[in-house]
Amino acid sequence: MHSSDEKTIDLRDFFVELLYKWKTILLITVVITVLLTGLGAVRALRSSRAAAVDPGEELTEEVLEEQAGILEESARAKLTEVEAQEVERVYRQYKSYIDYRNYCQEELTNFDQVFDKKDGSLVYERATYLLDSTIEGAEKQYTNNAVNLEDYQKIQELLNADSIEEAYKCLYFDSLTATTTELKNFGEDDAVYPSDIMVSVDVVGPDEATCEQIWGIVDAAFQEKTKTLKKIDPKTSMELIDTTFRGNIAEYYISKKQPTLDYVQRVDSMITNLKLYAIDKFTDEQAAYFNVLRDSERALIEGGIVSLAELEQEGAEAAAPQYISKKMLVLGILAGLFLSFVYVLARYLFSGTINVAQELQDYYQVPVLSTVFVKGRRGRGLFPGLIRKLLHVDSMTAENRAEMIAADICGGMQQAQSDSVYIVRTCGDGADLNISSLLEKAVARRNPESRIYAGSPLTSVDEMQNLTQQKAALLLVHNKRTVQADVEKVLDLCSRQAIKVLGAVAITDI
C-alpha cells in the first residue's frame, strides 16, 4: 500500500500552482522586501552621526534626538548582547505599564469631567430588555455593536457636550445569561445555547427628559440590530421589560469609577514589582542604558553629552546618510521570491491531497481513463492561456468526454464479467456530482442492461454496503481536493472485497 507521505512532483502542474498563487507570492515578497529594507534603514539611521554642535548653537529638537541616539548606542556598546536584550525587554515591559497607567488616568479624568455637576442635577435611567435568541453571544451584538458612532454623535448634541467622550460615558450596557450549555446526542445539534438573556442599559443625563431622548436613540439601535439578527435566527426577539429612574447618582458614580481605580492600583503594583525584581538588580552599565531608554533628555543633561559630542566629532565632516539601500531592496525581493517559492512548494508537498492524476498510476497502479476540466473556485491565475497549455486543456465538452469514458468503462465491465459498476465519488464538490451524473447517463445509453451506481462510500454506511455488493468500481478523483488517505481507504476496501477497480477519472479545476 502506498504511503501517504510520498508525492509526485509534476513540474508542469507545480508551475501552474505558482501561477495560481501569484497573489500569495506577491504578498510574501512585498512583506519580506519591506522588512529587510526597513531593517537596513534603521541600521543606517543608528550608525549615522550628526555634525558637531557649536558651543553657541541653539539645541533644537532634531539635534537633541541625534545626540540621544549617540548616547544610547554608547551605553549599549558597554553591554553584551544578552545584557542589552534583557534591558530592552524590561524597558518594553516598563513602558507598556506606564502607557496603560496613563490611559487609565486619562479615563478617570474624563469620567470626572462628565460627572462634575455641583448642583447634583444628574439622574440616570435603567432600561431592561429580554433578549430571546439561539445565536451564541447574541447579547454582545447589543451591548458592544448596536450603538454606532452616528448614534453617539446624536447623543453628544443632546448633551451639548464638548467632546464625544462625554457621550460615551453616559451609556453603560450589561447582560445576564445562564452560564451552562445544553449538549445533545451526536447526530443532532451539538449544543443548545441559553436563549433568554437579560440586557440592561443605564443612561446618565442632566434630567429625565434628556435621558428619555438618549434611551430612544438606544432603543432604535436595538431594534435595527434585532432586524439584522433575525436574518440568522428568525425567532430572535428583543422585548422591553421595564424602564425606571434611579436616585443616588453618587453611589452609581463610584460603582462605575471603581473598576478603573482598581486597574490603576494593579498596574502600580506591577511597576513596583518590576522595579524591585528587575530594574534594581541591573548592573551600573545596564542601569545607565535603561535610564537612557526611559528618559533620553534627562540622560543628556546628566551625562553632558553635548560636550562629549563636540569632542568626538571635532573636525569630522557630516555626511548625508543613505537610509534606503538598493542592496537591501534587491536582497529583499530575492529573499521574498525564494521564501514564497518554498512556501508554495511546502503546501504542494504536504497538502495531503492528490495533486495530479499521475500519482494514481505511480503509487496505486490505477489507470487514469481520462481527465475532465471544469471551471473551479481557484480564481484566475496569471497568463490563463499558458495555464491551459501546461495542463493540456482541449475544447472537448464534458458530455463528449463522458461518452468516451463510458466506452472505456463498458469494456472494463465486460472484462471483469460484471453487469454493474459503482462510481466512487471522493469529493463532495458540485462538479463531482455533475460529472458523476454524466458518466451514469453515458454508460446507461451505451449499455442499457447494465446497472450503474454512484455515491460516497466513505461518508455513508449504506453507500459502503452498496459498493461491496458490486464487482467493479470506478474512482472519481478531484485533483487538489481529493484526500490521499480517502483514496487508500477506498482501494483497501475494494481489495478486501475482491472488487475490480476499472480505473480512475480525474477532475481538474481551471
Protein backbone atom coordinates (compact mmCIF):
# COMPACT_ATOMS: atom_id res chain seq x y z
CA MET A 1 0.00 0.00 0.00
CA HIS A 2 1.27 3.46 -0.91
CA SER A 3 2.43 5.65 1.98
CA SER A 4 0.63 8.98 2.19
CA ASP A 5 3.86 10.93 2.63
CA GLU A 6 5.04 10.16 -0.91
CA LYS A 7 4.27 12.72 -3.59
CA THR A 8 4.80 13.05 -7.31
CA ILE A 9 6.18 16.44 -8.31
CA ASP A 10 4.87 17.26 -11.75
CA LEU A 11 6.85 20.32 -12.87
CA ARG A 12 4.11 21.46 -15.22
CA ASP A 13 1.48 21.19 -12.51
CA PHE A 14 3.72 22.89 -9.93
CA PHE A 15 4.38 25.76 -12.31
CA VAL A 16 0.62 26.12 -12.78
CA GLU A 17 0.30 26.19 -8.98
CA LEU A 18 2.77 29.08 -8.87
CA LEU A 19 0.73 30.96 -11.46
CA TYR A 20 -2.46 30.44 -9.42
CA LYS A 21 -0.72 31.55 -6.20
CA TRP A 22 0.62 34.80 -7.66
CA LYS A 23 -1.17 36.92 -5.03
CA THR A 24 0.43 34.92 -2.20
CA ILE A 25 3.84 35.19 -3.86
CA LEU A 26 3.43 38.93 -4.32
CA LEU A 27 2.30 39.45 -0.72
CA ILE A 28 5.20 37.47 0.78
CA THR A 29 7.71 39.22 -1.49
CA VAL A 30 6.42 42.68 -0.56
CA VAL A 31 6.42 41.90 3.18
CA ILE A 32 9.96 40.47 3.16
CA THR A 33 11.23 43.34 1.00
CA VAL A 34 9.72 45.95 3.32
CA LEU A 35 11.14 44.21 6.40
CA LEU A 36 14.68 43.89 5.04
CA THR A 37 14.71 47.38 3.55
CA GLY A 38 13.36 48.80 6.80
CA LEU A 39 15.99 46.91 8.79
CA GLY A 40 18.71 48.37 6.58
CA ALA A 41 17.28 51.86 7.00
CA VAL A 42 17.20 51.51 10.80
CA ARG A 43 20.80 50.35 10.89
CA ALA A 44 21.86 53.22 8.64
CA LEU A 45 19.99 55.68 10.85
CA ARG A 46 21.63 54.36 14.01
CA SER A 47 25.10 54.36 12.51
CA SER A 48 24.82 57.93 11.22
CA ARG A 49 26.32 60.74 13.26
CA ALA A 50 25.21 64.31 13.39
CA ALA A 51 27.62 67.17 12.79
CA ALA A 52 29.46 68.65 15.78
CA VAL A 53 27.45 71.09 17.88
CA ASP A 54 28.89 74.59 18.06
CA PRO A 55 29.12 75.99 21.63
CA GLY A 56 26.91 78.93 20.75
CA GLU A 57 24.44 76.94 18.62
CA GLU A 58 20.88 76.62 19.88
CA LEU A 59 19.97 72.99 20.69
CA THR A 60 16.99 72.16 18.51
CA GLU A 61 14.79 69.09 18.90
CA GLU A 62 16.48 67.43 15.93
CA VAL A 63 19.95 67.96 17.46
CA LEU A 64 18.80 66.56 20.80
CA GLU A 65 17.36 63.46 19.09
CA GLU A 66 20.59 62.88 17.23
CA GLN A 67 22.71 63.23 20.37
CA ALA A 68 20.33 60.98 22.29
CA GLY A 69 20.89 58.31 19.65
CA ILE A 70 24.65 58.63 20.11
CA LEU A 71 24.31 58.33 23.89
CA GLU A 72 22.02 55.29 23.52
CA GLU A 73 24.48 53.46 21.26
CA SER A 74 27.36 54.37 23.56
CA ALA A 75 25.56 52.96 26.59
CA ARG A 76 24.57 49.80 24.71
CA ALA A 77 28.11 49.20 23.48
CA LYS A 78 29.25 48.70 27.09
CA LEU A 79 26.98 45.66 27.44
CA THR A 80 27.00 42.20 26.00
CA GLU A 81 24.23 41.37 23.55
CA VAL A 82 22.44 39.26 26.16
CA GLU A 83 22.63 42.06 28.76
CA ALA A 84 21.41 44.66 26.27
CA GLN A 85 18.46 42.50 25.19
CA GLU A 86 17.49 41.96 28.83
CA VAL A 87 17.48 45.74 29.46
CA GLU A 88 15.41 46.33 26.29
CA ARG A 89 12.93 43.64 27.30
CA VAL A 90 12.45 45.15 30.76
CA TYR A 91 12.14 48.64 29.24
CA ARG A 92 9.42 47.50 26.82
CA GLN A 93 7.55 45.93 29.74
CA TYR A 94 8.01 49.07 31.85
CA LYS A 95 6.84 51.34 29.02
CA SER A 96 3.73 49.21 28.40
CA TYR A 97 2.82 49.52 32.09
CA ILE A 98 3.34 53.30 32.06
CA ASP A 99 1.31 53.74 28.86
CA TYR A 100 -1.53 51.66 30.26
CA ARG A 101 -1.50 53.62 33.53
CA ASN A 102 -1.62 56.92 31.64
CA TYR A 103 -4.58 55.64 29.65
CA CYS A 104 -6.44 54.65 32.82
CA GLN A 105 -5.66 58.01 34.42
CA GLU A 106 -7.00 59.82 31.37
CA GLU A 107 -10.16 57.74 31.59
CA LEU A 108 -10.60 58.81 35.22
CA THR A 109 -10.14 62.45 34.27
CA ASN A 110 -12.74 62.19 31.51
CA PHE A 111 -15.08 60.40 33.87
CA ASP A 112 -14.76 63.16 36.48
CA GLN A 113 -15.48 65.82 33.87
CA VAL A 114 -18.68 64.08 32.79
CA PHE A 115 -19.97 63.74 36.36
CA ASP A 116 -18.80 67.16 37.52
CA LYS A 117 -22.24 68.50 38.38
CA LYS A 118 -22.03 70.64 41.53
CA ASP A 119 -25.76 71.19 41.62
CA GLY A 120 -26.38 67.42 41.76
CA SER A 121 -28.85 67.53 38.87
CA LEU A 122 -27.60 64.33 37.20
CA VAL A 123 -30.05 61.44 37.01
CA TYR A 124 -29.83 58.02 35.43
CA GLU A 125 -32.38 55.74 33.87
CA ARG A 126 -32.19 51.97 33.59
CA ALA A 127 -33.96 50.19 30.72
CA THR A 128 -34.21 46.40 30.95
CA TYR A 129 -34.77 44.15 27.92
CA LEU A 130 -35.37 40.44 27.48
CA LEU A 131 -33.46 39.03 24.53
CA ASP A 132 -34.61 35.68 23.16
CA SER A 133 -32.13 34.22 20.63
CA THR A 134 -30.32 30.94 19.98
CA ILE A 135 -27.35 32.79 18.46
CA GLU A 136 -24.28 32.30 20.63
CA GLY A 137 -23.12 35.61 22.08
CA ALA A 138 -26.14 37.47 20.71
CA GLU A 139 -26.16 39.82 23.70
CA LYS A 140 -22.74 41.17 22.69
CA GLN A 141 -24.23 42.37 19.43
CA TYR A 142 -26.39 44.70 21.52
CA THR A 143 -24.00 45.67 24.32
CA ASN A 144 -20.97 46.16 22.04
CA ASN A 145 -22.12 46.86 18.48
CA ALA A 146 -25.68 48.19 18.39
CA VAL A 147 -25.00 51.85 19.12
CA ASN A 148 -22.70 53.24 16.41
CA LEU A 149 -20.69 56.44 16.05
CA GLU A 150 -23.56 58.32 14.42
CA ASP A 151 -25.78 57.48 17.41
CA TYR A 152 -23.16 58.77 19.85
CA GLN A 153 -22.88 61.98 17.84
CA LYS A 154 -26.63 62.47 18.23
CA ILE A 155 -26.24 61.91 21.97
CA GLN A 156 -23.41 64.45 22.06
CA GLU A 157 -25.74 67.03 20.54
CA LEU A 158 -28.46 66.25 23.10
CA LEU A 159 -25.96 66.69 25.94
CA ASN A 160 -24.48 69.82 24.34
CA ALA A 161 -21.12 68.19 25.12
CA ASP A 162 -17.73 69.48 24.03
CA SER A 163 -16.37 66.01 23.19
CA ILE A 164 -17.83 62.68 22.17
CA GLU A 165 -16.16 61.07 25.20
CA GLU A 166 -18.94 62.59 27.31
CA ALA A 167 -21.45 60.76 25.14
CA TYR A 168 -19.54 57.52 25.62
CA LYS A 169 -19.61 57.95 29.40
CA CYS A 170 -23.36 58.45 29.60
CA LEU A 171 -24.20 54.92 28.40
CA TYR A 172 -23.45 51.64 30.14
CA PHE A 173 -24.53 48.21 28.97
CA ASP A 174 -24.74 44.93 30.84
CA SER A 175 -26.15 41.46 30.25
CA LEU A 176 -27.08 38.46 32.34
CA THR A 177 -27.47 34.97 30.94
CA ALA A 178 -27.20 31.36 32.00
CA THR A 179 -23.67 30.00 32.34
CA THR A 180 -24.37 26.46 31.16
CA THR A 181 -24.80 24.99 27.70
CA GLU A 182 -27.04 22.01 26.94
CA LEU A 183 -25.31 19.24 24.99
CA LYS A 184 -27.33 16.89 22.82
CA ASN A 185 -26.65 13.45 21.37
CA PHE A 186 -24.34 13.22 18.40
CA GLY A 187 -26.19 13.40 15.12
CA GLU A 188 -28.33 16.28 16.39
CA ASP A 189 -27.27 19.83 17.06
CA ASP A 190 -24.02 19.75 19.01
CA ALA A 191 -25.16 22.26 21.59
CA VAL A 192 -28.08 24.45 22.53
CA TYR A 193 -27.08 27.79 23.99
CA PRO A 194 -29.24 29.69 26.51
CA SER A 195 -31.84 31.75 24.65
CA ASP A 196 -33.24 34.03 27.38
CA ILE A 197 -30.81 36.86 28.11
CA MET A 198 -31.36 39.94 30.23
CA VAL A 199 -29.83 43.11 28.71
CA SER A 200 -29.78 46.36 30.68
CA VAL A 201 -28.95 49.91 29.58
CA ASP A 202 -28.01 52.67 32.02
CA VAL A 203 -28.48 56.20 30.67
CA VAL A 204 -26.93 59.13 32.58
CA GLY A 205 -28.15 62.64 31.78
CA PRO A 206 -28.82 66.10 33.22
CA ASP A 207 -32.55 65.45 33.54
CA GLU A 208 -35.22 62.85 32.92
CA ALA A 209 -36.30 64.30 29.57
CA THR A 210 -32.79 64.10 28.16
CA CYS A 211 -32.39 60.54 29.46
CA GLU A 212 -35.60 59.58 27.68
CA GLN A 213 -34.34 61.05 24.41
CA ILE A 214 -31.00 59.24 24.73
CA TRP A 215 -32.78 55.99 25.56
CA GLY A 216 -34.90 56.49 22.42
CA ILE A 217 -31.73 56.54 20.32
CA VAL A 218 -30.51 53.33 22.00
CA ASP A 219 -33.88 51.63 21.61
CA ALA A 220 -33.92 52.42 17.88
CA ALA A 221 -30.42 50.99 17.56
CA PHE A 222 -31.55 47.83 19.37
CA GLN A 223 -34.49 47.39 17.02
CA GLU A 224 -32.22 47.74 13.98
CA LYS A 225 -29.86 45.15 15.44
CA THR A 226 -32.80 42.80 16.03
CA LYS A 227 -33.76 43.05 12.35
CA THR A 228 -30.21 42.08 11.42
CA LEU A 229 -30.11 39.09 13.80
CA LYS A 230 -33.47 37.85 12.55
CA LYS A 231 -31.74 37.10 9.24
CA ILE A 232 -29.70 34.50 11.15
CA ASP A 233 -32.32 33.37 13.68
CA PRO A 234 -35.87 34.37 12.62
CA LYS A 235 -37.11 33.76 16.17
CA THR A 236 -34.83 36.39 17.69
CA SER A 237 -36.80 38.94 19.72
CA MET A 238 -35.87 41.92 21.91
CA GLU A 239 -38.63 42.91 24.34
CA LEU A 240 -38.55 45.92 26.65
CA ILE A 241 -39.41 44.83 30.19
CA ASP A 242 -39.05 47.95 32.31
CA THR A 243 -37.64 51.48 32.45
CA THR A 244 -37.02 53.18 35.78
CA PHE A 245 -35.27 56.31 37.04
CA ARG A 246 -32.93 55.78 39.96
CA GLY A 247 -31.50 58.10 42.56
CA ASN A 248 -28.22 58.21 44.48
CA ILE A 249 -26.10 59.24 41.49
CA ALA A 250 -23.06 59.42 43.81
CA GLU A 251 -23.21 55.71 44.55
CA TYR A 252 -23.67 54.97 40.87
CA TYR A 253 -20.70 57.22 40.01
CA ILE A 254 -18.46 55.36 42.47
CA SER A 255 -19.56 51.94 41.18
CA LYS A 256 -18.61 52.88 37.60
CA LYS A 257 -15.35 54.55 38.57
CA GLN A 258 -14.09 51.84 40.92
CA PRO A 259 -13.03 49.29 38.22
CA THR A 260 -10.74 51.87 36.60
CA LEU A 261 -9.27 52.76 40.01
CA ASP A 262 -8.60 49.05 40.56
CA TYR A 263 -6.76 48.89 37.23
CA VAL A 264 -4.56 51.82 38.28
CA GLN A 265 -3.70 50.11 41.57
CA ARG A 266 -2.88 46.87 39.79
CA VAL A 267 -0.56 48.50 37.29
CA ASP A 268 1.12 50.45 40.12
CA SER A 269 1.81 47.13 41.83
CA MET A 270 3.22 45.67 38.62
CA ILE A 271 5.53 48.67 38.16
CA THR A 272 6.72 48.33 41.76
CA ASN A 273 7.40 44.61 41.33
CA LEU A 274 9.23 45.20 38.05
CA LYS A 275 11.46 47.79 39.74
CA LEU A 276 12.08 45.55 42.75
CA TYR A 277 12.83 42.28 40.94
CA ALA A 278 14.39 43.52 37.69
CA ILE A 279 15.40 47.19 37.43
CA ASP A 280 17.04 47.42 40.87
CA LYS A 281 19.10 44.31 40.10
CA PHE A 282 20.71 45.82 36.98
CA THR A 283 24.44 46.44 36.93
CA ASP A 284 25.61 50.06 36.73
CA GLU A 285 26.09 49.72 32.94
CA GLN A 286 22.65 48.18 32.50
CA ALA A 287 21.05 50.86 34.68
CA ALA A 288 22.74 53.58 32.58
CA TYR A 289 21.36 52.07 29.36
CA PHE A 290 17.89 51.69 30.91
CA ASN A 291 17.87 55.34 32.03
CA VAL A 292 18.76 56.48 28.51
CA LEU A 293 15.86 54.45 27.09
CA ARG A 294 13.46 55.67 29.77
CA ASP A 295 14.29 59.41 29.65
CA SER A 296 16.78 60.43 26.97
CA GLU A 297 16.54 64.18 27.63
CA ARG A 298 17.40 63.76 31.32
CA ALA A 299 20.27 61.44 30.42
CA LEU A 300 21.63 64.07 28.01
CA ILE A 301 21.62 66.70 30.72
CA GLU A 302 23.14 64.47 33.40
CA GLY A 303 25.74 62.97 31.09
CA GLY A 304 26.89 66.21 29.47
CA ILE A 305 26.50 64.55 26.07
CA VAL A 306 26.68 67.83 24.16
CA SER A 307 30.28 68.43 25.24
CA LEU A 308 31.10 64.79 24.59
CA ALA A 309 29.66 65.03 21.10
CA GLU A 310 31.79 68.08 20.33
CA LEU A 311 34.92 66.20 21.43
CA GLU A 312 34.17 63.03 19.45
CA GLN A 313 33.21 64.75 16.21
CA GLU A 314 35.79 67.58 16.24
CA GLY A 315 36.97 68.18 12.68
CA ALA A 316 34.68 65.48 11.24
CA GLU A 317 32.52 66.26 8.21
CA ALA A 318 28.88 65.40 8.44
CA ALA A 319 27.79 63.18 5.59
CA ALA A 320 24.22 62.86 4.42
CA PRO A 321 23.19 59.32 5.37
CA GLN A 322 21.71 56.99 2.76
CA TYR A 323 18.92 55.27 4.66
CA ILE A 324 17.40 53.29 1.77
CA SER A 325 19.90 50.73 0.49
CA LYS A 326 19.49 49.41 -3.06
CA LYS A 327 21.37 46.31 -1.99
CA MET A 328 18.85 45.59 0.79
CA LEU A 329 15.99 46.30 -1.61
CA VAL A 330 17.26 43.75 -4.15
CA LEU A 331 18.07 41.28 -1.37
CA GLY A 332 14.55 41.67 -0.01
CA ILE A 333 12.97 40.97 -3.39
CA LEU A 334 15.14 37.87 -3.95
CA ALA A 335 14.54 36.61 -0.41
CA GLY A 336 10.79 37.21 -0.76
CA LEU A 337 10.62 35.30 -4.04
CA PHE A 338 12.65 32.43 -2.58
CA LEU A 339 10.55 32.18 0.60
CA SER A 340 7.29 32.38 -1.35
CA PHE A 341 8.56 29.61 -3.65
CA VAL A 342 9.43 27.47 -0.61
CA TYR A 343 6.00 28.22 0.91
CA VAL A 344 4.09 27.17 -2.21
CA LEU A 345 6.29 24.07 -2.59
CA ALA A 346 5.68 23.07 1.04
CA ARG A 347 1.92 23.50 0.59
CA TYR A 348 2.15 21.44 -2.60
CA LEU A 349 4.09 18.59 -1.00
CA PHE A 350 2.29 18.42 2.33
CA SER A 351 -1.26 19.16 1.21
CA GLY A 352 -2.34 15.55 1.78
CA THR A 353 -4.39 15.61 -1.43
CA ILE A 354 -4.00 14.11 -4.88
CA ASN A 355 -2.21 16.80 -6.87
CA VAL A 356 -2.01 15.11 -10.28
CA ALA A 357 -3.60 12.02 -11.76
CA GLN A 358 -0.12 10.54 -12.33
CA GLU A 359 0.01 9.74 -8.60
CA LEU A 360 -2.77 7.17 -9.06
CA GLN A 361 -0.66 5.28 -11.61
CA ASP A 362 2.69 5.71 -9.80
CA TYR A 363 1.62 4.60 -6.34
CA TYR A 364 -1.69 2.76 -6.67
CA GLN A 365 -1.36 1.15 -10.14
CA VAL A 366 -4.78 2.52 -11.02
CA PRO A 367 -5.03 3.56 -14.69
CA VAL A 368 -6.37 7.02 -15.40
CA LEU A 369 -9.05 6.72 -18.08
CA SER A 370 -9.32 10.45 -18.71
CA THR A 371 -9.15 13.94 -17.22
CA VAL A 372 -12.15 16.26 -17.21
CA PHE A 373 -11.52 20.00 -16.95
CA VAL A 374 -14.08 22.14 -15.13
CA LYS A 375 -14.29 25.77 -14.06
CA GLY A 376 -13.39 25.64 -10.36
CA ARG A 377 -13.02 28.07 -7.46
CA ARG A 378 -9.26 28.56 -7.67
CA GLY A 379 -9.52 32.07 -9.00
CA ARG A 380 -7.82 33.50 -12.04
CA GLY A 381 -4.08 32.92 -12.31
CA LEU A 382 -1.55 34.86 -14.32
CA PHE A 383 -1.49 34.03 -18.04
CA PRO A 384 -4.63 31.81 -18.26
CA GLY A 385 -3.68 30.80 -21.79
CA LEU A 386 -0.34 29.45 -20.54
CA ILE A 387 -2.10 27.57 -17.77
CA ARG A 388 -4.40 25.85 -20.26
CA LYS A 389 -1.43 24.84 -22.41
CA LEU A 390 0.51 23.46 -19.46
CA LEU A 391 -2.50 21.40 -18.36
CA HIS A 392 -3.17 20.25 -21.97
CA VAL A 393 -6.73 21.56 -21.84
CA ASP A 394 -8.69 20.79 -25.02
CA SER A 395 -12.01 22.05 -26.33
CA MET A 396 -13.95 18.82 -25.72
CA THR A 397 -17.12 19.28 -23.68
CA ALA A 398 -17.78 17.35 -20.50
CA GLU A 399 -20.66 15.50 -22.17
CA ASN A 400 -18.48 14.25 -25.03
CA ARG A 401 -15.74 13.33 -22.59
CA ALA A 402 -18.26 11.31 -20.58
CA GLU A 403 -19.29 9.38 -23.71
CA MET A 404 -15.68 8.41 -24.42
CA ILE A 405 -15.09 7.38 -20.82
CA ALA A 406 -18.32 5.36 -20.87
CA ALA A 407 -16.96 3.25 -23.76
CA ASP A 408 -13.85 2.51 -21.70
CA ILE A 409 -15.96 1.64 -18.65
CA CYS A 410 -18.16 -0.74 -20.58
CA GLY A 411 -15.09 -2.53 -21.95
CA GLY A 412 -13.73 -2.85 -18.41
CA MET A 413 -17.06 -4.24 -17.16
CA GLN A 414 -17.02 -6.85 -19.91
CA GLN A 415 -13.51 -7.96 -18.94
CA ALA A 416 -14.49 -8.09 -15.27
CA GLN A 417 -17.60 -10.08 -16.22
CA SER A 418 -19.76 -7.62 -14.34
CA ASP A 419 -23.10 -6.15 -15.32
CA SER A 420 -22.79 -3.29 -12.82
CA VAL A 421 -20.30 -0.61 -11.83
CA TYR A 422 -20.06 1.70 -8.83
CA ILE A 423 -18.73 5.22 -9.41
CA VAL A 424 -16.94 6.23 -6.19
CA ARG A 425 -17.01 9.95 -5.52
CA THR A 426 -14.08 11.00 -3.31
CA CYS A 427 -15.10 14.66 -3.08
CA GLY A 428 -18.43 16.34 -2.37
CA ASP A 429 -17.90 19.22 -4.79
CA GLY A 430 -20.74 20.15 -7.14
CA ALA A 431 -18.53 19.44 -10.16
CA ASP A 432 -18.04 15.85 -8.94
CA LEU A 433 -21.78 15.35 -8.71
CA ASN A 434 -22.26 16.71 -12.23
CA ILE A 435 -19.51 14.56 -13.79
CA SER A 436 -20.78 11.50 -11.92
CA SER A 437 -24.27 12.09 -13.31
CA LEU A 438 -22.93 12.48 -16.86
CA LEU A 439 -20.99 9.21 -16.57
CA GLU A 440 -24.06 7.35 -15.26
CA LYS A 441 -26.18 8.51 -18.19
CA ALA A 442 -23.46 7.82 -20.76
CA VAL A 443 -22.87 4.25 -19.53
CA ALA A 444 -26.63 3.63 -19.40
CA ARG A 445 -27.01 4.76 -23.03
CA ARG A 446 -24.13 2.58 -24.21
CA ASN A 447 -25.16 -0.49 -22.20
CA PRO A 448 -28.85 -0.27 -21.24
CA GLU A 449 -28.74 -3.63 -19.46
CA SER A 450 -26.04 -2.54 -17.04
CA ARG A 451 -26.64 -1.18 -13.57
CA ILE A 452 -24.78 1.96 -12.58
CA TYR A 453 -24.44 3.26 -9.05
CA ALA A 454 -22.71 6.33 -7.69
CA GLY A 455 -22.04 7.64 -4.21
CA SER A 456 -19.57 8.43 -1.45
CA PRO A 457 -19.00 5.17 0.46
CA LEU A 458 -16.66 6.78 3.00
CA THR A 459 -19.41 9.03 4.34
CA SER A 460 -22.37 6.64 4.34
CA VAL A 461 -22.74 3.09 5.66
CA ASP A 462 -25.47 2.33 3.11
CA GLU A 463 -23.27 3.52 0.24
CA MET A 464 -20.37 1.41 1.52
CA GLN A 465 -22.61 -1.66 1.68
CA ASN A 466 -23.83 -0.96 -1.84
CA LEU A 467 -20.24 -0.77 -3.07
CA THR A 468 -19.31 -4.13 -1.50
CA GLN A 469 -22.10 -5.79 -3.48
CA GLN A 470 -20.57 -4.79 -6.84
CA LYS A 471 -17.82 -6.48 -8.82
CA ALA A 472 -16.41 -3.36 -10.49
CA ALA A 473 -15.76 0.20 -9.38
CA LEU A 474 -14.56 3.46 -10.90
CA LEU A 475 -12.74 6.16 -8.90
CA LEU A 476 -13.74 9.79 -9.45
CA VAL A 477 -10.80 11.86 -8.17
CA HIS A 478 -10.76 15.68 -7.91
CA ASN A 479 -7.18 16.95 -8.17
CA LYS A 480 -6.13 19.27 -5.31
CA ARG A 481 -9.30 18.33 -3.37
CA THR A 482 -9.41 14.55 -3.01
CA VAL A 483 -7.52 13.42 0.10
CA GLN A 484 -4.89 10.71 -0.40
CA ALA A 485 -5.98 8.84 2.71
CA ASP A 486 -9.54 8.57 1.31
CA VAL A 487 -8.24 7.04 -1.92
CA GLU A 488 -6.24 4.50 0.06
CA LYS A 489 -9.29 3.58 2.16
CA VAL A 490 -11.40 3.00 -0.95
CA LEU A 491 -8.71 0.89 -2.64
CA ASP A 492 -8.17 -1.13 0.54
CA LEU A 493 -11.93 -1.80 0.75
CA CYS A 494 -12.05 -2.88 -2.90
CA SER A 495 -9.05 -5.16 -2.38
CA ARG A 496 -10.61 -6.88 0.62
CA GLN A 497 -13.99 -7.29 -1.11
CA ALA A 498 -12.45 -8.51 -4.41
CA ILE A 499 -13.88 -5.52 -6.30
CA LYS A 500 -12.05 -4.77 -9.55
CA VAL A 501 -11.08 -1.12 -9.93
CA LEU A 502 -11.56 -0.37 -13.62
CA GLY A 503 -9.61 2.88 -13.37
CA ALA A 504 -10.00 6.49 -12.36
CA VAL A 505 -11.36 9.68 -13.85
CA ALA A 506 -9.58 12.85 -12.74
CA ILE A 507 -11.28 16.23 -12.41
CA THR A 508 -9.05 19.29 -12.73
CA ASP A 509 -10.10 22.90 -12.00
CA ILE A 510 -9.07 25.58 -14.48
